[in-house]
Amino acid sequence: MDIGEVSRLSGLPASTLRFYEDKKLLKPIGRKGLRRVYDADVLQRLALIALGRNAGFTLNEIAAMFTPDGPRIDRSQLASKADQLDRTIRQLTAMRDGLRHASQCPAPSHLECRKFQRLLAIALKSQRGRKS
């Protein structure tokens, strides 16, 4: 398949496919004139990349999963990412619940509301976690 067909079938712009090639995520099998040509398994590879991105893996982490013999996905790495997603879900759930409460809180000021104060603490903790 040439790059235009891969782009059409995957929904990704050709620039993304070229970027993935630069990141060693894709490798064309040749050229047809000036256009890159990919093997039929490129769509499955793109689906694996999309799954990895949706799960929060970096492109470098995903690239490391591709070997000459095919994808090699470390199960402990998957479990670790699932644990990380669980922590994120808990934080986002607490944030959502706090925002819902704050939108209806009868306190004269949000800063006087205990639940809003907990929301601020969660936000601060989250900010600290991003820096490390």
C-alpha atoms as a PDB file:
ATOM      1  CA  MET A   1       0.000   0.000   0.000  1.00  0.00           C
ATOM      2  CA  ASP A   2       1.296   3.446  -0.755  1.00  0.00           C
ATOM      3  CA  ILE A   3       1.335   6.176   1.870  1.00  0.00           C
ATOM      4  CA  GLY A   4      -1.848   7.762   0.486  1.00  0.00           C
ATOM      5  CA  GLU A   5      -3.826   4.552   0.868  1.00  0.00           C
ATOM      6  CA  VAL A   6      -2.452   3.942   4.362  1.00  0.00           C
ATOM      7  CA  SER A   7      -3.388   7.496   5.269  1.00  0.00           C
ATOM      8  CA  ARG A   8      -6.909   7.041   3.913  1.00  0.00           C
ATOM      9  CA  LEU A   9      -7.472   3.673   5.609  1.00  0.00           C
ATOM     10  CA  SER A  10      -5.956   4.663   8.954  1.00  0.00           C
ATOM     11  CA  GLY A  11      -7.346   8.190   9.117  1.00  0.00           C
ATOM     12  CA  LEU A  12      -3.863   9.518   9.863  1.00  0.00           C
ATOM     13  CA  PRO A  13      -2.287  12.259   7.787  1.00  0.00           C
ATOM     14  CA  ALA A  14       0.755  11.315   5.727  1.00  0.00           C
ATOM     15  CA  SER A  15       2.821  13.681   7.891  1.00  0.00           C
ATOM     16  CA  THR A  16       2.056  11.492  10.935  1.00  0.00           C
ATOM     17  CA  LEU A  17       3.116   8.384   9.037  1.00  0.00           C
ATOM     18  CA  ARG A  18       6.401  10.075   8.098  1.00  0.00           C
ATOM     19  CA  PHE A  19       6.851  11.190  11.725  1.00  0.00           C
ATOM     20  CA  TYR A  20       6.285   7.613  12.904  1.00  0.00           C
ATOM     21  CA  GLU A  21       8.895   6.509  10.411  1.00  0.00           C
ATOM     22  CA  ASP A  22      11.365   9.015  11.888  1.00  0.00           C
ATOM     23  CA  LYS A  23      10.575   7.591  15.345  1.00  0.00           C
ATOM     24  CA  LYS A  24      11.284   4.035  14.063  1.00  0.00           C
ATOM     25  CA  LEU A  25       7.674   2.980  14.553  1.00  0.00           C
ATOM     26  CA  LEU A  26       7.074   2.325  10.847  1.00  0.00           C
ATOM     27  CA  LYS A  27       9.338   1.185   8.060  1.00  0.00           C
ATOM     28  CA  PRO A  28       8.315   1.386   4.427  1.00  0.00           C
ATOM     29  CA  ILE A  29       9.187  -1.599   2.271  1.00  0.00           C
ATOM     30  CA  GLY A  30      10.086   0.607  -0.658  1.00  0.00           C
ATOM     31  CA  ARG A  31       8.914   3.387  -2.915  1.00  0.00           C
ATOM     32  CA  LYS A  32       6.552   3.721  -5.803  1.00  0.00           C
ATOM     33  CA  GLY A  33       7.915   6.773  -7.558  1.00  0.00           C
ATOM     34  CA  LEU A  34       8.266   9.329  -4.765  1.00  0.00           C
ATOM     35  CA  ARG A  35       5.645   7.710  -2.527  1.00  0.00           C
ATOM     36  CA  ARG A  36       6.477   5.399   0.354  1.00  0.00           C
ATOM     37  CA  VAL A  37       5.048   1.878   0.147  1.00  0.00           C
ATOM     38  CA  TYR A  38       4.141  -0.130   3.242  1.00  0.00           C
ATOM     39  CA  ASP A  39       3.525  -3.820   3.883  1.00  0.00           C
ATOM     40  CA  ALA A  40      -0.043  -4.969   4.537  1.00  0.00           C
ATOM     41  CA  ASP A  41       0.636  -5.307   8.292  1.00  0.00           C
ATOM     42  CA  VAL A  42       1.112  -1.540   8.618  1.00  0.00           C
ATOM     43  CA  LEU A  43      -2.532  -1.059   9.636  1.00  0.00           C
ATOM     44  CA  GLN A  44      -2.176  -3.546  12.485  1.00  0.00           C
ATOM     45  CA  ARG A  45       1.006  -1.781  13.577  1.00  0.00           C
ATOM     46  CA  LEU A  46      -0.805   1.561  13.486  1.00  0.00           C
ATOM     47  CA  ALA A  47      -3.598   0.048  15.594  1.00  0.00           C
ATOM     48  CA  LEU A  48      -1.000  -1.116  18.153  1.00  0.00           C
ATOM     49  CA  ILE A  49       0.527   2.372  18.190  1.00  0.00           C
ATOM     50  CA  ALA A  50      -2.927   3.917  18.722  1.00  0.00           C
ATOM     51  CA  LEU A  51      -3.667   1.476  21.553  1.00  0.00           C
ATOM     52  CA  GLY A  52      -0.341   2.269  23.189  1.00  0.00           C
ATOM     53  CA  ARG A  53      -0.886   6.014  22.874  1.00  0.00           C
ATOM     54  CA  ASN A  54      -4.417   5.715  24.276  1.00  0.00           C
ATOM     55  CA  ALA A  55      -3.034   3.750  27.229  1.00  0.00           C
ATOM     56  CA  GLY A  56      -0.480   6.486  27.911  1.00  0.00           C
ATOM     57  CA  PHE A  57       2.700   4.947  26.526  1.00  0.00           C
ATOM     58  CA  THR A  58       5.194   7.316  24.931  1.00  0.00           C
ATOM     59  CA  LEU A  59       6.226   6.837  21.321  1.00  0.00           C
ATOM     60  CA  ASN A  60       9.683   5.765  22.527  1.00  0.00           C
ATOM     61  CA  GLU A  61       8.128   3.135  24.805  1.00  0.00           C
ATOM     62  CA  ILE A  62       6.002   1.888  21.921  1.00  0.00           C
ATOM     63  CA  ALA A  63       8.973   1.816  19.547  1.00  0.00           C
ATOM     64  CA  ALA A  64      10.863  -0.359  22.038  1.00  0.00           C
ATOM     65  CA  MET A  65       8.028  -2.895  21.845  1.00  0.00           C
ATOM     66  CA  PHE A  66       8.596  -3.474  18.135  1.00  0.00           C
ATOM     67  CA  THR A  67      11.340  -5.955  17.361  1.00  0.00           C
ATOM     68  CA  PRO A  68      12.422  -7.427  14.021  1.00  0.00           C
ATOM     69  CA  ASP A  69      10.442 -10.556  14.993  1.00  0.00           C
ATOM     70  CA  GLY A  70       7.246  -8.605  15.674  1.00  0.00           C
ATOM     71  CA  PRO A  71       5.757  -6.833  18.681  1.00  0.00           C
ATOM     72  CA  ARG A  72       7.098  -7.905  22.074  1.00  0.00           C
ATOM     73  CA  ILE A  73       4.970  -6.402  24.801  1.00  0.00           C
ATOM     74  CA  ASP A  74       6.247  -6.759  28.348  1.00  0.00           C
ATOM     75  CA  ARG A  75       3.344  -7.922  30.519  1.00  0.00           C
ATOM     76  CA  SER A  76       4.781  -6.303  33.642  1.00  0.00           C
ATOM     77  CA  GLN A  77       4.954  -3.005  31.747  1.00  0.00           C
ATOM     78  CA  LEU A  78       1.275  -3.425  30.870  1.00  0.00           C
ATOM     79  CA  ALA A  79       0.408  -4.129  34.512  1.00  0.00           C
ATOM     80  CA  SER A  80       2.373  -1.074  35.612  1.00  0.00           C
ATOM     81  CA  LYS A  81       0.554   1.122  33.099  1.00  0.00           C
ATOM     82  CA  ALA A  82      -2.792  -0.299  34.278  1.00  0.00           C
ATOM     83  CA  ASP A  83      -1.853   0.603  37.874  1.00  0.00           C
ATOM     84  CA  GLN A  84      -0.944   4.094  36.740  1.00  0.00           C
ATOM     85  CA  LEU A  85      -4.302   4.407  34.970  1.00  0.00           C
ATOM     86  CA  ASP A  86      -6.072   3.278  38.160  1.00  0.00           C
ATOM     87  CA  ARG A  87      -4.346   6.096  40.069  1.00  0.00           C
ATOM     88  CA  THR A  88      -5.325   8.602  37.378  1.00  0.00           C
ATOM     89  CA  ILE A  89      -8.926   7.392  37.415  1.00  0.00           C
ATOM     90  CA  ARG A  90      -9.084   7.833  41.205  1.00  0.00           C
ATOM     91  CA  GLN A  91      -7.656  11.360  40.926  1.00  0.00           C
ATOM     92  CA  LEU A  92     -10.019  12.330  38.120  1.00  0.00           C
ATOM     93  CA  THR A  93     -13.005  10.869  39.961  1.00  0.00           C
ATOM     94  CA  ALA A  94     -12.128  12.882  43.072  1.00  0.00           C
ATOM     95  CA  MET A  95     -11.661  15.991  40.934  1.00  0.00           C
ATOM     96  CA  ARG A  96     -15.017  15.472  39.187  1.00  0.00           C
ATOM     97  CA  ASP A  97     -16.827  14.919  42.476  1.00  0.00           C
ATOM     98  CA  GLY A  98     -15.189  17.971  43.999  1.00  0.00           C
ATOM     99  CA  LEU A  99     -16.134  20.168  41.061  1.00  0.00           C
ATOM    100  CA  ARG A 100     -19.725  18.951  41.197  1.00  0.00           C
ATOM    101  CA  HIS A 101     -19.851  19.738  44.901  1.00  0.00           C
ATOM    102  CA  ALA A 102     -18.214  23.143  44.441  1.00  0.00           C
ATOM    103  CA  SER A 103     -20.759  24.072  41.780  1.00  0.00           C
ATOM    104  CA  GLN A 104     -23.573  23.631  44.337  1.00  0.00           C
ATOM    105  CA  CYS A 105     -21.785  24.304  47.647  1.00  0.00           C
ATOM    106  CA  PRO A 106     -23.753  26.557  50.012  1.00  0.00           C
ATOM    107  CA  ALA A 107     -20.588  27.948  51.665  1.00  0.00           C
ATOM    108  CA  PRO A 108     -20.240  31.731  51.256  1.00  0.00           C
ATOM    109  CA  SER A 109     -16.869  31.215  49.580  1.00  0.00           C
ATOM    110  CA  HIS A 110     -15.354  28.171  47.925  1.00  0.00           C
ATOM    111  CA  LEU A 111     -12.270  28.693  50.068  1.00  0.00           C
ATOM    112  CA  GLU A 112     -14.442  28.101  53.167  1.00  0.00           C
ATOM    113  CA  CYS A 113     -15.650  24.739  51.857  1.00  0.00           C
ATOM    114  CA  ARG A 114     -13.827  21.640  53.166  1.00  0.00           C
ATOM    115  CA  LYS A 115     -14.509  19.633  50.018  1.00  0.00           C
ATOM    116  CA  PHE A 116     -13.167  22.460  47.863  1.00  0.00           C
ATOM    117  CA  GLN A 117     -10.058  22.574  50.064  1.00  0.00           C
ATOM    118  CA  ARG A 118      -9.572  18.833  49.426  1.00  0.00           C
ATOM    119  CA  LEU A 119      -9.952  19.524  45.708  1.00  0.00           C
ATOM    120  CA  LEU A 120      -7.180  22.128  45.954  1.00  0.00           C
ATOM    121  CA  ALA A 121      -4.975  19.609  47.785  1.00  0.00           C
ATOM    122  CA  ILE A 122      -5.556  17.008  45.051  1.00  0.00           C
ATOM    123  CA  ALA A 123      -4.685  19.587  42.388  1.00  0.00           C
ATOM    124  CA  LEU A 124      -1.476  20.508  44.213  1.00  0.00           C
ATOM    125  CA  LYS A 125      -0.512  16.850  44.620  1.00  0.00           C
ATOM    126  CA  SER A 126      -1.188  16.242  40.950  1.00  0.00           C
ATOM    127  CA  GLN A 127       0.973  19.223  39.992  1.00  0.00           C
ATOM    128  CA  ARG A 128       3.844  17.942  42.131  1.00  0.00           C
ATOM    129  CA  GLY A 129       3.527  14.510  40.496  1.00  0.00           C
ATOM    130  CA  ARG A 130       3.902  16.009  37.017  1.00  0.00           C
ATOM    131  CA  LYS A 131       7.165  17.720  37.938  1.00  0.00           C
ATOM    132  CA  SER A 132       8.842  14.482  39.034  1.00  0.00           C
END
